[in-house]
Amino acid sequence: MNSPNGVARILLIAEDPDGGLPYRDALADGGYQVIQAESFIESFDSAMIDPDVIVLWGLAMFAYPAQNAQVLRIPAAMTPAELVVEVHRRVALRAALEATITQAA
């Protein structure tokens, strides 16, 4: 994780702020630091420069070849609770991989 306090940082890009709100709230309730933006360009104005996971909702697009964060598109049928489980799974897998790499070094 990039955050100094150990909390995974999530950038939620949703072209419809109201549509992304339930997902943002669920992620925040799940213990994540969440910033929501309407577009990738708008995310440059946020305080979150290097998120751990980028979540795309609706028609949101993302294209930035130099980013290191995982990108997850929310399928139409995914509930906010299911998104939290999937983000947790991805963050945990990445943390385990980084710990293994650190131990091997």
C-alpha atoms as a PDB file:
ATOM      1  CA  MET A   1       0.000   0.000   0.000  1.00  0.00           C
ATOM      2  CA  ASN A   2       1.153   3.499  -0.729  1.00  0.00           C
ATOM      3  CA  SER A   3      -0.477   5.135   2.279  1.00  0.00           C
ATOM      4  CA  PRO A   4       1.753   5.844   5.285  1.00  0.00           C
ATOM      5  CA  ASN A   5      -1.054   4.868   7.690  1.00  0.00           C
ATOM      6  CA  GLY A   6      -1.588   1.442   6.087  1.00  0.00           C
ATOM      7  CA  VAL A   7      -5.047   2.202   4.708  1.00  0.00           C
ATOM      8  CA  ALA A   8      -5.492   1.323   1.038  1.00  0.00           C
ATOM      9  CA  ARG A   9      -6.362   4.315  -1.131  1.00  0.00           C
ATOM     10  CA  ILE A  10      -9.054   3.933  -3.766  1.00  0.00           C
ATOM     11  CA  LEU A  11      -9.728   6.290  -6.659  1.00  0.00           C
ATOM     12  CA  LEU A  12     -13.313   5.853  -7.869  1.00  0.00           C
ATOM     13  CA  ILE A  13     -13.943   7.356 -11.303  1.00  0.00           C
ATOM     14  CA  ALA A  14     -17.663   7.640 -12.062  1.00  0.00           C
ATOM     15  CA  GLU A  15     -19.038   9.921 -14.757  1.00  0.00           C
ATOM     16  CA  ASP A  16     -22.277  10.143 -12.754  1.00  0.00           C
ATOM     17  CA  PRO A  17     -21.441  11.254  -9.181  1.00  0.00           C
ATOM     18  CA  ASP A  18     -24.790  10.066  -7.822  1.00  0.00           C
ATOM     19  CA  GLY A  19     -24.383   6.629  -9.413  1.00  0.00           C
ATOM     20  CA  GLY A  20     -20.928   6.207  -7.905  1.00  0.00           C
ATOM     21  CA  LEU A  21     -22.017   7.360  -4.439  1.00  0.00           C
ATOM     22  CA  PRO A  22     -23.209   3.944  -3.124  1.00  0.00           C
ATOM     23  CA  TYR A  23     -19.890   2.396  -4.179  1.00  0.00           C
ATOM     24  CA  ARG A  24     -17.880   5.221  -2.636  1.00  0.00           C
ATOM     25  CA  ASP A  25     -19.812   4.946   0.621  1.00  0.00           C
ATOM     26  CA  ALA A  26     -19.440   1.141   0.728  1.00  0.00           C
ATOM     27  CA  LEU A  27     -15.683   1.369   0.159  1.00  0.00           C
ATOM     28  CA  ALA A  28     -15.353   4.051   2.860  1.00  0.00           C
ATOM     29  CA  ASP A  29     -17.427   1.914   5.249  1.00  0.00           C
ATOM     30  CA  GLY A  30     -15.092  -0.966   4.401  1.00  0.00           C
ATOM     31  CA  GLY A  31     -12.179   1.040   5.790  1.00  0.00           C
ATOM     32  CA  TYR A  32     -10.672   2.418   2.586  1.00  0.00           C
ATOM     33  CA  GLN A  33      -9.654   5.999   1.890  1.00  0.00           C
ATOM     34  CA  VAL A  34     -11.766   6.910  -1.151  1.00  0.00           C
ATOM     35  CA  ILE A  35     -11.656   9.831  -3.545  1.00  0.00           C
ATOM     36  CA  GLN A  36     -14.330  10.084  -6.234  1.00  0.00           C
ATOM     37  CA  ALA A  37     -13.819  11.913  -9.524  1.00  0.00           C
ATOM     38  CA  GLU A  38     -15.988  12.262 -12.628  1.00  0.00           C
ATOM     39  CA  SER A  39     -13.070  11.714 -14.995  1.00  0.00           C
ATOM     40  CA  PHE A  40      -9.432  10.711 -15.000  1.00  0.00           C
ATOM     41  CA  ILE A  41      -8.485  14.331 -15.771  1.00  0.00           C
ATOM     42  CA  GLU A  42     -10.465  15.533 -12.735  1.00  0.00           C
ATOM     43  CA  SER A  43      -8.571  13.048 -10.568  1.00  0.00           C
ATOM     44  CA  PHE A  44      -5.379  15.058 -11.141  1.00  0.00           C
ATOM     45  CA  ASP A  45      -6.940  17.794  -8.995  1.00  0.00           C
ATOM     46  CA  SER A  46      -7.470  15.385  -6.096  1.00  0.00           C
ATOM     47  CA  ALA A  47      -5.185  14.873  -3.137  1.00  0.00           C
ATOM     48  CA  MET A  48      -4.713  11.223  -4.135  1.00  0.00           C
ATOM     49  CA  ILE A  49      -1.790  11.132  -6.529  1.00  0.00           C
ATOM     50  CA  ASP A  50      -0.880   7.444  -6.272  1.00  0.00           C
ATOM     51  CA  PRO A  51      -3.909   5.264  -5.415  1.00  0.00           C
ATOM     52  CA  ASP A  52      -3.624   1.547  -4.663  1.00  0.00           C
ATOM     53  CA  VAL A  53      -6.676   0.646  -6.764  1.00  0.00           C
ATOM     54  CA  ILE A  54      -8.552   2.595  -9.433  1.00  0.00           C
ATOM     55  CA  VAL A  55     -12.231   1.655  -9.728  1.00  0.00           C
ATOM     56  CA  LEU A  56     -14.223   2.586 -12.836  1.00  0.00           C
ATOM     57  CA  TRP A  57     -18.016   2.851 -12.748  1.00  0.00           C
ATOM     58  CA  GLY A  58     -20.393   3.291 -15.671  1.00  0.00           C
ATOM     59  CA  LEU A  59     -18.874   4.790 -18.787  1.00  0.00           C
ATOM     60  CA  ALA A  60     -15.773   6.062 -16.983  1.00  0.00           C
ATOM     61  CA  MET A  61     -12.607   5.631 -19.013  1.00  0.00           C
ATOM     62  CA  PHE A  62      -9.036   5.365 -17.858  1.00  0.00           C
ATOM     63  CA  ALA A  63      -5.843   5.530 -19.878  1.00  0.00           C
ATOM     64  CA  TYR A  64      -2.537   6.368 -18.261  1.00  0.00           C
ATOM     65  CA  PRO A  65       0.350   4.108 -19.209  1.00  0.00           C
ATOM     66  CA  ALA A  66       2.648   5.135 -16.330  1.00  0.00           C
ATOM     67  CA  GLN A  67       0.281   4.245 -13.478  1.00  0.00           C
ATOM     68  CA  ASN A  68       1.022   1.321 -11.160  1.00  0.00           C
ATOM     69  CA  ALA A  69      -2.368   0.884  -9.496  1.00  0.00           C
ATOM     70  CA  GLN A  70      -4.655  -1.994 -10.331  1.00  0.00           C
ATOM     71  CA  VAL A  71      -7.685  -0.979 -12.387  1.00  0.00           C
ATOM     72  CA  LEU A  72     -11.064  -2.570 -11.729  1.00  0.00           C
ATOM     73  CA  ARG A  73     -14.197  -1.907 -13.771  1.00  0.00           C
ATOM     74  CA  ILE A  74     -17.426  -2.438 -11.841  1.00  0.00           C
ATOM     75  CA  PRO A  75     -19.660  -4.864 -13.765  1.00  0.00           C
ATOM     76  CA  ALA A  76     -23.279  -3.753 -14.123  1.00  0.00           C
ATOM     77  CA  ALA A  77     -24.562  -6.465 -11.779  1.00  0.00           C
ATOM     78  CA  MET A  78     -21.991  -5.898  -8.993  1.00  0.00           C
ATOM     79  CA  THR A  79     -23.393  -4.573  -5.729  1.00  0.00           C
ATOM     80  CA  PRO A  80     -21.458  -2.130  -3.539  1.00  0.00           C
ATOM     81  CA  ALA A  81     -20.854  -4.927  -0.991  1.00  0.00           C
ATOM     82  CA  GLU A  82     -19.459  -7.214  -3.708  1.00  0.00           C
ATOM     83  CA  LEU A  83     -17.142  -4.403  -4.824  1.00  0.00           C
ATOM     84  CA  VAL A  84     -15.736  -4.064  -1.302  1.00  0.00           C
ATOM     85  CA  VAL A  85     -15.023  -7.816  -1.214  1.00  0.00           C
ATOM     86  CA  GLU A  86     -13.282  -7.690  -4.618  1.00  0.00           C
ATOM     87  CA  VAL A  87     -11.190  -4.643  -3.710  1.00  0.00           C
ATOM     88  CA  HIS A  88     -10.221  -6.276  -0.410  1.00  0.00           C
ATOM     89  CA  ARG A  89      -9.180  -9.439  -2.255  1.00  0.00           C
ATOM     90  CA  ARG A  90      -7.008  -7.470  -4.683  1.00  0.00           C
ATOM     91  CA  VAL A  91      -5.402  -5.312  -1.998  1.00  0.00           C
ATOM     92  CA  ALA A  92      -4.671  -8.389   0.146  1.00  0.00           C
ATOM     93  CA  LEU A  93      -3.150 -10.287  -2.787  1.00  0.00           C
ATOM     94  CA  ARG A  94      -0.943  -7.344  -3.697  1.00  0.00           C
ATOM     95  CA  ALA A  95       0.192  -6.905  -0.083  1.00  0.00           C
ATOM     96  CA  ALA A  96       1.022 -10.630   0.142  1.00  0.00           C
ATOM     97  CA  LEU A  97       3.001 -10.463  -3.099  1.00  0.00           C
ATOM     98  CA  GLU A  98       4.960  -7.414  -1.936  1.00  0.00           C
ATOM     99  CA  ALA A  99       5.698  -9.084   1.426  1.00  0.00           C
ATOM    100  CA  THR A 100       6.959 -12.210  -0.358  1.00  0.00           C
ATOM    101  CA  ILE A 101       9.198 -10.146  -2.601  1.00  0.00           C
ATOM    102  CA  THR A 102      10.566  -8.237   0.395  1.00  0.00           C
ATOM    103  CA  GLN A 103      11.325 -11.454   2.287  1.00  0.00           C
ATOM    104  CA  ALA A 104      13.084 -12.947  -0.721  1.00  0.00           C
ATOM    105  CA  ALA A 105      15.354  -9.908  -1.126  1.00  0.00           C
END
